[in-house]
């Protein structure tokens, strides 16, 4: 196990360095091309196709949205159902058939956190 932990730390360090290097190269690329504020542009340097997508992140103030009394024809908000894990677990105990009928459960990738402990 100690050997695997050492290998994992070395791999994580290499991954972090590779990511930092990639981000620097992407920054250089962006500095030499012209991009729209939002959208996709394709570039064709010899032997490559480079696609760059730019976009804005948007956050909704739902309270302000509700107060504005937007009509159905002007609505731009889509409410998506999501699972409240605390309520799901309570319901699983009380009514497991209900949950089994409408929730598909499958394992996620395990998360591994490692911290090197100094001896």
Foldseek 3Di string as FASTA:
>chain_A
DVVVLVVVVVVVVVVVVVVVVVVVVVVVVVVPDDDDQADWDWDCDPPDIDIDGHDDDDDDPVVVVVVVPDDPVPDDDDDDDDDDVVVLVVCCVVPVVVCVVPPDDDDDDDDDDDDDDDD
